[in-house]
């Protein structure tokens, strides 16, 4: 695993939640709001966002950076939905998805 990502995933200032099925999720806007850390259980990824405008660039969600495992189209859609759900909950209720950047 990338040491930067590994370090990020261990930080205490990540918004964390556990769903009814016991899955653990984490989300945190990084730096100046151009990137977002998203975690599902022990997997993590960094995607591109525009925090100022509440936008998530969905094409940047391609693989789990922690395992370098590429996502299937179905898994990508599921993960984007989770990112949108938790971004809405913790950062901006009016988040939009942009499939281009």
PDB file of N, CA and C in Angstrom:
ATOM      1  N   UNK A   1       0.849  -1.181   0.000  1.00  0.00           N
ATOM      2  CA  UNK A   1       0.000   0.000   0.000  1.00  0.00           C
ATOM      3  C   UNK A   1       0.890   1.237   0.000  1.00  0.00           C
ATOM      4  N   UNK A   2       0.457   2.232  -0.690  1.00  0.00           N
ATOM      5  CA  UNK A   2       1.145   3.507  -0.732  1.00  0.00           C
ATOM      6  C   UNK A   2       1.250   4.071   0.684  1.00  0.00           C
ATOM      7  N   UNK A   3       2.434   4.497   1.080  1.00  0.00           N
ATOM      8  CA  UNK A   3       2.624   4.953   2.461  1.00  0.00           C
ATOM      9  C   UNK A   3       1.810   6.212   2.758  1.00  0.00           C
ATOM     10  N   UNK A   4       1.646   7.111   1.768  1.00  0.00           N
ATOM     11  CA  UNK A   4       0.824   8.307   1.969  1.00  0.00           C
ATOM     12  C   UNK A   4      -0.625   7.922   2.243  1.00  0.00           C
ATOM     13  N   UNK A   5      -1.170   7.032   1.429  1.00  0.00           N
ATOM     14  CA  UNK A   5      -2.545   6.579   1.620  1.00  0.00           C
ATOM     15  C   UNK A   5      -2.685   5.833   2.935  1.00  0.00           C
ATOM     16  N   UNK A   6      -1.737   4.985   3.245  1.00  0.00           N
ATOM     17  CA  UNK A   6      -1.762   4.243   4.506  1.00  0.00           C
ATOM     18  C   UNK A   6      -1.787   5.202   5.690  1.00  0.00           C
ATOM     19  N   UNK A   7      -0.972   6.242   5.628  1.00  0.00           N
ATOM     20  CA  UNK A   7      -0.927   7.248   6.692  1.00  0.00           C
ATOM     21  C   UNK A   7      -2.264   7.982   6.805  1.00  0.00           C
ATOM     22  N   UNK A   8      -2.837   8.369   5.674  1.00  0.00           N
ATOM     23  CA  UNK A   8      -4.133   9.059   5.673  1.00  0.00           C
ATOM     24  C   UNK A   8      -5.223   8.203   6.302  1.00  0.00           C
ATOM     25  N   UNK A   9      -5.241   6.931   5.949  1.00  0.00           N
ATOM     26  CA  UNK A   9      -6.302   6.042   6.416  1.00  0.00           C
ATOM     27  C   UNK A   9      -6.257   5.816   7.930  1.00  0.00           C
ATOM     28  N   UNK A  10      -5.136   6.102   8.559  1.00  0.00           N
ATOM     29  CA  UNK A  10      -4.992   5.911   9.995  1.00  0.00           C
ATOM     30  C   UNK A  10      -5.298   7.172  10.798  1.00  0.00           C
ATOM     31  N   UNK A  11      -5.517   8.294  10.133  1.00  0.00           N
ATOM     32  CA  UNK A  11      -5.739   9.561  10.832  1.00  0.00           C
ATOM     33  C   UNK A  11      -7.047   9.545  11.628  1.00  0.00           C
ATOM     34  N   UNK A  12      -7.064  10.347  12.669  1.00  0.00           N
ATOM     35  CA  UNK A  12      -8.236  10.441  13.539  1.00  0.00           C
ATOM     36  C   UNK A  12      -9.280  11.434  13.049  1.00  0.00           C
ATOM     37  N   UNK A  13      -8.905  12.327  12.135  1.00  0.00           N
ATOM     38  CA  UNK A  13      -9.832  13.379  11.708  1.00  0.00           C
ATOM     39  C   UNK A  13     -10.654  13.007  10.469  1.00  0.00           C
ATOM     40  N   UNK A  14     -10.881  11.731  10.277  1.00  0.00           N
ATOM     41  CA  UNK A  14     -11.707  11.234   9.177  1.00  0.00           C
ATOM     42  C   UNK A  14     -13.124  11.029   9.702  1.00  0.00           C
ATOM     43  N   UNK A  15     -14.102  11.454   8.917  1.00  0.00           N
ATOM     44  CA  UNK A  15     -15.495  11.168   9.280  1.00  0.00           C
ATOM     45  C   UNK A  15     -15.704   9.670   9.075  1.00  0.00           C
ATOM     46  N   UNK A  16     -16.066   8.969  10.130  1.00  0.00           N
ATOM     47  CA  UNK A  16     -16.233   7.518  10.063  1.00  0.00           C
ATOM     48  C   UNK A  16     -17.653   7.138  10.448  1.00  0.00           C
ATOM     49  N   UNK A  17     -18.141   6.083   9.797  1.00  0.00           N
ATOM     50  CA  UNK A  17     -19.478   5.581  10.079  1.00  0.00           C
ATOM     51  C   UNK A  17     -19.488   4.081   9.804  1.00  0.00           C
ATOM     52  N   UNK A  18     -20.312   3.366  10.543  1.00  0.00           N
ATOM     53  CA  UNK A  18     -20.508   1.931  10.323  1.00  0.00           C
ATOM     54  C   UNK A  18     -21.972   1.713   9.976  1.00  0.00           C
ATOM     55  N   UNK A  19     -22.237   1.008   8.870  1.00  0.00           N
ATOM     56  CA  UNK A  19     -23.626   0.778   8.461  1.00  0.00           C
ATOM     57  C   UNK A  19     -24.225  -0.404   9.220  1.00  0.00           C
ATOM     58  N   UNK A  20     -25.477  -0.692   8.950  1.00  0.00           N
ATOM     59  CA  UNK A  20     -26.192  -1.758   9.657  1.00  0.00           C
ATOM     60  C   UNK A  20     -25.591  -3.143   9.419  1.00  0.00           C
ATOM     61  N   UNK A  21     -24.912  -3.319   8.289  1.00  0.00           N
ATOM     62  CA  UNK A  21     -24.300  -4.610   7.974  1.00  0.00           C
ATOM     63  C   UNK A  21     -22.897  -4.749   8.575  1.00  0.00           C
ATOM     64  N   UNK A  22     -22.420  -3.702   9.252  1.00  0.00           N
ATOM     65  CA  UNK A  22     -21.100  -3.753   9.866  1.00  0.00           C
ATOM     66  C   UNK A  22     -19.973  -3.238   8.993  1.00  0.00           C
ATOM     67  N   UNK A  23     -20.284  -2.737   7.803  1.00  0.00           N
ATOM     68  CA  UNK A  23     -19.254  -2.158   6.943  1.00  0.00           C
ATOM     69  C   UNK A  23     -18.839  -0.805   7.489  1.00  0.00           C
ATOM     70  N   UNK A  24     -17.530  -0.549   7.476  1.00  0.00           N
ATOM     71  CA  UNK A  24     -16.989   0.708   7.982  1.00  0.00           C
ATOM     72  C   UNK A  24     -16.611   1.609   6.812  1.00  0.00           C
ATOM     73  N   UNK A  25     -17.026   2.868   6.889  1.00  0.00           N
ATOM     74  CA  UNK A  25     -16.732   3.841   5.842  1.00  0.00           C
ATOM     75  C   UNK A  25     -16.047   5.051   6.453  1.00  0.00           C
ATOM     76  N   UNK A  26     -15.212   5.697   5.669  1.00  0.00           N
ATOM     77  CA  UNK A  26     -14.552   6.921   6.086  1.00  0.00           C
ATOM     78  C   UNK A  26     -14.448   7.870   4.914  1.00  0.00           C
ATOM     79  N   UNK A  27     -14.511   9.170   5.205  1.00  0.00           N
ATOM     80  CA  UNK A  27     -14.446  10.175   4.151  1.00  0.00           C
ATOM     81  C   UNK A  27     -13.776  11.418   4.717  1.00  0.00           C
ATOM     82  N   UNK A  28     -12.934  12.049   3.875  1.00  0.00           N
ATOM     83  CA  UNK A  28     -12.251  13.277   4.300  1.00  0.00           C
ATOM     84  C   UNK A  28     -11.809  14.063   3.074  1.00  0.00           C
ATOM     85  N   UNK A  29     -12.138  15.340   3.054  1.00  0.00           N
ATOM     86  CA  UNK A  29     -11.649  16.239   2.016  1.00  0.00           C
ATOM     87  C   UNK A  29     -10.176  16.494   2.305  1.00  0.00           C
ATOM     88  N   UNK A  30      -9.358  16.437   1.266  1.00  0.00           N
ATOM     89  CA  UNK A  30      -7.915  16.598   1.424  1.00  0.00           C
ATOM     90  C   UNK A  30      -7.444  17.945   0.891  1.00  0.00           C
ATOM     91  N   UNK A  31      -6.404  18.445   1.483  1.00  0.00           N
ATOM     92  CA  UNK A  31      -5.734  19.652   1.005  1.00  0.00           C
ATOM     93  C   UNK A  31      -6.653  20.840   0.833  1.00  0.00           C
ATOM     94  N   UNK A  32      -6.632  21.392  -0.363  1.00  0.00           N
ATOM     95  CA  UNK A  32      -7.433  22.576  -0.674  1.00  0.00           C
ATOM     96  C   UNK A  32      -8.792  22.233  -1.257  1.00  0.00           C
ATOM     97  N   UNK A  33      -9.218  20.994  -1.077  1.00  0.00           N
ATOM     98  CA  UNK A  33     -10.529  20.598  -1.554  1.00  0.00           C
ATOM     99  C   UNK A  33     -10.559  20.099  -2.976  1.00  0.00           C
ATOM    100  N   UNK A  34      -9.424  19.630  -3.463  1.00  0.00           N
ATOM    101  CA  UNK A  34      -9.352  19.095  -4.819  1.00  0.00           C
ATOM    102  C   UNK A  34      -9.363  17.572  -4.846  1.00  0.00           C
ATOM    103  N   UNK A  35      -9.172  16.969  -3.680  1.00  0.00           N
ATOM    104  CA  UNK A  35      -9.151  15.514  -3.572  1.00  0.00           C
ATOM    105  C   UNK A  35      -9.949  15.072  -2.356  1.00  0.00           C
ATOM    106  N   UNK A  36     -10.384  13.821  -2.415  1.00  0.00           N
ATOM    107  CA  UNK A  36     -11.190  13.251  -1.348  1.00  0.00           C
ATOM    108  C   UNK A  36     -10.705  11.845  -1.048  1.00  0.00           C
ATOM    109  N   UNK A  37     -10.506  11.552   0.217  1.00  0.00           N
ATOM    110  CA  UNK A  37     -10.192  10.191   0.660  1.00  0.00           C
ATOM    111  C   UNK A  37     -11.511   9.496   0.960  1.00  0.00           C
ATOM    112  N   UNK A  38     -11.686   8.299   0.416  1.00  0.00           N
ATOM    113  CA  UNK A  38     -12.854   7.486   0.730  1.00  0.00           C
ATOM    114  C   UNK A  38     -12.361   6.106   1.118  1.00  0.00           C
ATOM    115  N   UNK A  39     -12.914   5.572   2.206  1.00  0.00           N
ATOM    116  CA  UNK A  39     -12.525   4.256   2.680  1.00  0.00           C
ATOM    117  C   UNK A  39     -13.751   3.374   2.849  1.00  0.00           C
ATOM    118  N   UNK A  40     -13.586   2.109   2.492  1.00  0.00           N
ATOM    119  CA  UNK A  40     -14.603   1.092   2.749  1.00  0.00           C
ATOM    120  C   UNK A  40     -13.883  -0.081   3.398  1.00  0.00           C
ATOM    121  N   UNK A  41     -14.193  -0.317   4.658  1.00  0.00           N
ATOM    122  CA  UNK A  41     -13.508  -1.338   5.455  1.00  0.00           C
ATOM    123  C   UNK A  41     -12.004  -1.079   5.409  1.00  0.00           C
ATOM    124  N   UNK A  42     -11.208  -1.973   4.844  1.00  0.00           N
ATOM    125  CA  UNK A  42      -9.754  -1.785   4.814  1.00  0.00           C
ATOM    126  C   UNK A  42      -9.243  -1.266   3.481  1.00  0.00           C
ATOM    127  N   UNK A  43     -10.145  -0.933   2.544  1.00  0.00           N
ATOM    128  CA  UNK A  43      -9.745  -0.421   1.232  1.00  0.00           C
ATOM    129  C   UNK A  43      -9.902   1.094   1.210  1.00  0.00           C
ATOM    130  N   UNK A  44      -9.061   1.751   0.421  1.00  0.00           N
ATOM    131  CA  UNK A  44      -9.146   3.197   0.324  1.00  0.00           C
ATOM    132  C   UNK A  44      -8.814   3.686  -1.068  1.00  0.00           C
ATOM    133  N   UNK A  45      -9.320   4.871  -1.383  1.00  0.00           N
ATOM    134  CA  UNK A  45      -9.013   5.506  -2.658  1.00  0.00           C
ATOM    135  C   UNK A  45      -9.027   7.014  -2.481  1.00  0.00           C
ATOM    136  N   UNK A  46      -8.376   7.684  -3.396  1.00  0.00           N
ATOM    137  CA  UNK A  46      -8.401   9.139  -3.462  1.00  0.00           C
ATOM    138  C   UNK A  46      -8.980   9.509  -4.815  1.00  0.00           C
ATOM    139  N   UNK A  47     -10.039  10.312  -4.793  1.00  0.00           N
ATOM    140  CA  UNK A  47     -10.665  10.747  -6.039  1.00  0.00           C
ATOM    141  C   UNK A  47     -10.623  12.267  -6.134  1.00  0.00           C
ATOM    142  N   UNK A  48     -10.960  12.778  -7.301  1.00  0.00           N
ATOM    143  CA  UNK A  48     -10.916  14.206  -7.579  1.00  0.00           C
ATOM    144  C   UNK A  48     -12.273  14.832  -7.310  1.00  0.00           C
ATOM    145  N   UNK A  49     -12.246  15.966  -6.613  1.00  0.00           N
ATOM    146  CA  UNK A  49     -13.470  16.698  -6.311  1.00  0.00           C
ATOM    147  C   UNK A  49     -13.226  18.191  -6.499  1.00  0.00           C
ATOM    148  N   UNK A  50     -14.282  18.953  -6.394  1.00  0.00           N
ATOM    149  CA  UNK A  50     -14.217  20.409  -6.299  1.00  0.00           C
ATOM    150  C   UNK A  50     -15.077  20.771  -5.093  1.00  0.00           C
ATOM    151  N   UNK A  51     -14.442  20.863  -3.925  1.00  0.00           N
ATOM    152  CA  UNK A  51     -15.185  21.084  -2.688  1.00  0.00           C
ATOM    153  C   UNK A  51     -15.916  22.419  -2.696  1.00  0.00           C
ATOM    154  N   UNK A  52     -15.344  23.424  -3.341  1.00  0.00           N
ATOM    155  CA  UNK A  52     -15.977  24.740  -3.374  1.00  0.00           C
ATOM    156  C   UNK A  52     -17.344  24.685  -4.038  1.00  0.00           C
ATOM    157  N   UNK A  53     -17.478  23.852  -5.063  1.00  0.00           N
ATOM    158  CA  UNK A  53     -18.735  23.740  -5.797  1.00  0.00           C
ATOM    159  C   UNK A  53     -19.502  22.462  -5.472  1.00  0.00           C
ATOM    160  N   UNK A  54     -19.009  21.668  -4.544  1.00  0.00           N
ATOM    161  CA  UNK A  54     -19.692  20.448  -4.130  1.00  0.00           C
ATOM    162  C   UNK A  54     -19.791  19.427  -5.244  1.00  0.00           C
ATOM    163  N   UNK A  55     -18.703  19.236  -5.995  1.00  0.00           N
ATOM    164  CA  UNK A  55     -18.717  18.338  -7.146  1.00  0.00           C
ATOM    165  C   UNK A  55     -17.744  17.180  -6.950  1.00  0.00           C
ATOM    166  N   UNK A  56     -18.183  16.008  -7.350  1.00  0.00           N
ATOM    167  CA  UNK A  56     -17.339  14.812  -7.354  1.00  0.00           C
ATOM    168  C   UNK A  56     -17.153  14.404  -8.808  1.00  0.00           C
ATOM    169  N   UNK A  57     -15.909  14.267  -9.239  1.00  0.00           N
ATOM    170  CA  UNK A  57     -15.613  13.865 -10.609  1.00  0.00           C
ATOM    171  C   UNK A  57     -15.552  12.336 -10.663  1.00  0.00           C
ATOM    172  N   UNK A  58     -16.627  11.745 -11.165  1.00  0.00           N
ATOM    173  CA  UNK A  58     -16.799  10.296 -11.083  1.00  0.00           C
ATOM    174  C   UNK A  58     -15.771   9.508 -11.889  1.00  0.00           C
ATOM    175  N   UNK A  59     -15.226  10.084 -12.937  1.00  0.00           N
ATOM    176  CA  UNK A  59     -14.232   9.348 -13.732  1.00  0.00           C
ATOM    177  C   UNK A  59     -12.927   9.130 -12.987  1.00  0.00           C
ATOM    178  N   UNK A  60     -12.741   9.850 -11.888  1.00  0.00           N
ATOM    179  CA  UNK A  60     -11.526   9.655 -11.100  1.00  0.00           C
ATOM    180  C   UNK A  60     -11.638   8.451 -10.161  1.00  0.00           C
ATOM    181  N   UNK A  61     -12.817   7.858 -10.089  1.00  0.00           N
ATOM    182  CA  UNK A  61     -13.019   6.646  -9.281  1.00  0.00           C
ATOM    183  C   UNK A  61     -12.848   5.462 -10.225  1.00  0.00           C
ATOM    184  N   UNK A  62     -11.654   4.863 -10.195  1.00  0.00           N
ATOM    185  CA  UNK A  62     -11.325   3.790 -11.136  1.00  0.00           C
ATOM    186  C   UNK A  62     -10.855   2.515 -10.446  1.00  0.00           C
ATOM    187  N   UNK A  63     -10.167   2.703  -9.321  1.00  0.00           N
ATOM    188  CA  UNK A  63      -9.565   1.560  -8.642  1.00  0.00           C
ATOM    189  C   UNK A  63      -9.435   1.860  -7.159  1.00  0.00           C
ATOM    190  N   UNK A  64      -9.249   0.811  -6.393  1.00  0.00           N
ATOM    191  CA  UNK A  64      -8.918   0.955  -4.985  1.00  0.00           C
ATOM    192  C   UNK A  64      -7.424   1.213  -4.930  1.00  0.00           C
ATOM    193  N   UNK A  65      -7.035   2.417  -4.536  1.00  0.00           N
ATOM    194  CA  UNK A  65      -5.619   2.767  -4.510  1.00  0.00           C
ATOM    195  C   UNK A  65      -4.841   1.937  -3.504  1.00  0.00           C
ATOM    196  N   UNK A  66      -5.498   1.502  -2.443  1.00  0.00           N
ATOM    197  CA  UNK A  66      -4.807   0.735  -1.410  1.00  0.00           C
ATOM    198  C   UNK A  66      -4.413  -0.662  -1.883  1.00  0.00           C
ATOM    199  N   UNK A  67      -5.143  -1.212  -2.840  1.00  0.00           N
ATOM    200  CA  UNK A  67      -4.838  -2.557  -3.343  1.00  0.00           C
ATOM    201  C   UNK A  67      -4.447  -2.547  -4.815  1.00  0.00           C
ATOM    202  N   UNK A  68      -4.613  -1.415  -5.474  1.00  0.00           N
ATOM    203  CA  UNK A  68      -4.361  -1.246  -6.908  1.00  0.00           C
ATOM    204  C   UNK A  68      -5.300  -2.120  -7.745  1.00  0.00           C
ATOM    205  N   UNK A  69      -6.436  -2.518  -7.150  1.00  0.00           N
ATOM    206  CA  UNK A  69      -7.407  -3.364  -7.846  1.00  0.00           C
ATOM    207  C   UNK A  69      -8.402  -2.486  -8.613  1.00  0.00           C
ATOM    208  N   UNK A  70      -8.457  -2.697  -9.920  1.00  0.00           N
ATOM    209  CA  UNK A  70      -9.381  -1.952 -10.766  1.00  0.00           C
ATOM    210  C   UNK A  70     -10.824  -2.367 -10.457  1.00  0.00           C
ATOM    211  N   UNK A  71     -11.730  -1.398 -10.504  1.00  0.00           N
ATOM    212  CA  UNK A  71     -13.140  -1.663 -10.211  1.00  0.00           C
ATOM    213  C   UNK A  71     -13.899  -2.056 -11.473  1.00  0.00           C
ATOM    214  N   UNK A  72     -14.837  -2.948 -11.322  1.00  0.00           N
ATOM    215  CA  UNK A  72     -15.752  -3.265 -12.418  1.00  0.00           C
ATOM    216  C   UNK A  72     -16.714  -2.084 -12.546  1.00  0.00           C
ATOM    217  N   UNK A  73     -17.388  -1.939 -13.681  1.00  0.00           N
ATOM    218  CA  UNK A  73     -18.366  -0.851 -13.826  1.00  0.00           C
ATOM    219  C   UNK A  73     -19.447  -0.873 -12.740  1.00  0.00           C
ATOM    220  N   UNK A  74     -19.874  -2.070 -12.361  1.00  0.00           N
ATOM    221  CA  UNK A  74     -20.912  -2.189 -11.329  1.00  0.00           C
ATOM    222  C   UNK A  74     -20.380  -1.735  -9.971  1.00  0.00           C
ATOM    223  N   UNK A  75     -19.165  -2.164  -9.628  1.00  0.00           N
ATOM    224  CA  UNK A  75     -18.580  -1.755  -8.354  1.00  0.00           C
ATOM    225  C   UNK A  75     -18.308  -0.255  -8.343  1.00  0.00           C
ATOM    226  N   UNK A  76     -17.832   0.278  -9.466  1.00  0.00           N
ATOM    227  CA  UNK A  76     -17.571   1.714  -9.570  1.00  0.00           C
ATOM    228  C   UNK A  76     -18.841   2.513  -9.305  1.00  0.00           C
ATOM    229  N   UNK A  77     -19.938   2.089  -9.885  1.00  0.00           N
ATOM    230  CA  UNK A  77     -21.223   2.762  -9.682  1.00  0.00           C
ATOM    231  C   UNK A  77     -21.639   2.696  -8.209  1.00  0.00           C
ATOM    232  N   UNK A  78     -21.449   1.552  -7.587  1.00  0.00           N
ATOM    233  CA  UNK A  78     -21.782   1.380  -6.171  1.00  0.00           C
ATOM    234  C   UNK A  78     -20.932   2.298  -5.299  1.00  0.00           C
ATOM    235  N   UNK A  79     -19.637   2.347  -5.572  1.00  0.00           N
ATOM    236  CA  UNK A  79     -18.716   3.157  -4.774  1.00  0.00           C
ATOM    237  C   UNK A  79     -19.008   4.649  -4.965  1.00  0.00           C
ATOM    238  N   UNK A  80     -19.262   5.070  -6.196  1.00  0.00           N
ATOM    239  CA  UNK A  80     -19.612   6.477  -6.441  1.00  0.00           C
ATOM    240  C   UNK A  80     -20.869   6.847  -5.660  1.00  0.00           C
ATOM    241  N   UNK A  81     -21.844   5.953  -5.612  1.00  0.00           N
ATOM    242  CA  UNK A  81     -23.062   6.194  -4.839  1.00  0.00           C
ATOM    243  C   UNK A  81     -22.775   6.348  -3.351  1.00  0.00           C
ATOM    244  N   UNK A  82     -21.858   5.538  -2.831  1.00  0.00           N
ATOM    245  CA  UNK A  82     -21.476   5.642  -1.421  1.00  0.00           C
ATOM    246  C   UNK A  82     -20.736   6.948  -1.143  1.00  0.00           C
ATOM    247  N   UNK A  83     -19.834   7.319  -2.046  1.00  0.00           N
ATOM    248  CA  UNK A  83     -19.110   8.579  -1.883  1.00  0.00           C
ATOM    249  C   UNK A  83     -20.105   9.742  -1.874  1.00  0.00           C
ATOM    250  N   UNK A  84     -21.038   9.717  -2.807  1.00  0.00           N
ATOM    251  CA  UNK A  84     -22.054  10.774  -2.870  1.00  0.00           C
ATOM    252  C   UNK A  84     -22.871  10.810  -1.575  1.00  0.00           C
ATOM    253  N   UNK A  85     -23.289   9.666  -1.096  1.00  0.00           N
ATOM    254  CA  UNK A  85     -24.098   9.574   0.122  1.00  0.00           C
ATOM    255  C   UNK A  85     -23.370  10.173   1.324  1.00  0.00           C
ATOM    256  N   UNK A  86     -22.113   9.784   1.521  1.00  0.00           N
ATOM    257  CA  UNK A  86     -21.385  10.253   2.695  1.00  0.00           C
ATOM    258  C   UNK A  86     -20.857  11.676   2.517  1.00  0.00           C
ATOM    259  N   UNK A  87     -20.560  12.069   1.298  1.00  0.00           N
ATOM    260  CA  UNK A  87     -20.175  13.470   1.063  1.00  0.00           C
ATOM    261  C   UNK A  87     -21.373  14.366   1.380  1.00  0.00           C
ATOM    262  N   UNK A  88     -22.536  13.949   0.960  1.00  0.00           N
ATOM    263  CA  UNK A  88     -23.772  14.693   1.248  1.00  0.00           C
ATOM    264  C   UNK A  88     -23.988  14.785   2.760  1.00  0.00           C
ATOM    265  N   UNK A  89     -23.751  13.720   3.440  1.00  0.00           N
ATOM    266  CA  UNK A  89     -23.989  13.666   4.888  1.00  0.00           C
ATOM    267  C   UNK A  89     -23.017  14.546   5.677  1.00  0.00           C
ATOM    268  N   UNK A  90     -21.734  14.527   5.310  1.00  0.00           N
ATOM    269  CA  UNK A  90     -20.729  15.204   6.116  1.00  0.00           C
ATOM    270  C   UNK A  90     -20.269  16.561   5.580  1.00  0.00           C
ATOM    271  N   UNK A  91     -20.449  16.821   4.281  1.00  0.00           N
ATOM    272  CA  UNK A  91     -19.888  18.048   3.721  1.00  0.00           C
ATOM    273  C   UNK A  91     -20.896  18.953   3.018  1.00  0.00           C
ATOM    274  N   UNK A  92     -21.656  18.420   2.085  1.00  0.00           N
ATOM    275  CA  UNK A  92     -22.505  19.284   1.283  1.00  0.00           C
ATOM    276  C   UNK A  92     -23.748  18.518   0.841  1.00  0.00           C
ATOM    277  N   UNK A  93     -24.928  18.909   1.336  1.00  0.00           N
ATOM    278  CA  UNK A  93     -26.151  18.190   0.975  1.00  0.00           C
ATOM    279  C   UNK A  93     -26.540  18.352  -0.498  1.00  0.00           C
ATOM    280  N   UNK A  94     -25.918  19.300  -1.179  1.00  0.00           N
ATOM    281  CA  UNK A  94     -26.233  19.566  -2.590  1.00  0.00           C
ATOM    282  C   UNK A  94     -25.144  19.075  -3.529  1.00  0.00           C
ATOM    283  N   UNK A  95     -24.414  18.048  -3.127  1.00  0.00           N
ATOM    284  CA  UNK A  95     -23.327  17.518  -3.939  1.00  0.00           C
ATOM    285  C   UNK A  95     -23.835  17.096  -5.321  1.00  0.00           C
ATOM    286  N   UNK A  96     -22.988  17.317  -6.330  1.00  0.00           N
ATOM    287  CA  UNK A  96     -23.328  16.896  -7.692  1.00  0.00           C
ATOM    288  C   UNK A  96     -22.229  15.959  -8.201  1.00  0.00           C
ATOM    289  N   UNK A  97     -22.629  15.087  -9.114  1.00  0.00           N
ATOM    290  CA  UNK A  97     -21.682  14.183  -9.764  1.00  0.00           C
ATOM    291  C   UNK A  97     -21.408  14.711 -11.159  1.00  0.00           C
ATOM    292  N   UNK A  98     -20.131  14.758 -11.508  1.00  0.00           N
ATOM    293  CA  UNK A  98     -19.720  15.193 -12.844  1.00  0.00           C
ATOM    294  C   UNK A  98     -18.938  14.059 -13.464  1.00  0.00           C
ATOM    295  N   UNK A  99     -19.379  13.606 -14.628  1.00  0.00           N
ATOM    296  CA  UNK A  99     -18.734  12.462 -15.288  1.00  0.00           C
ATOM    297  C   UNK A  99     -17.728  12.914 -16.334  1.00  0.00           C
ATOM    298  N   UNK A 100     -17.114  14.052 -16.087  1.00  0.00           N
ATOM    299  CA  UNK A 100     -16.130  14.597 -17.020  1.00  0.00           C
ATOM    300  C   UNK A 100     -15.214  15.525 -16.245  1.00  0.00           C
ATOM    301  N   UNK A 101     -13.974  15.597 -16.634  1.00  0.00           N
ATOM    302  CA  UNK A 101     -13.052  16.590 -16.064  1.00  0.00           C
ATOM    303  C   UNK A 101     -11.823  16.736 -16.907  1.00  0.00           C
TER     304      UNK A 101
END
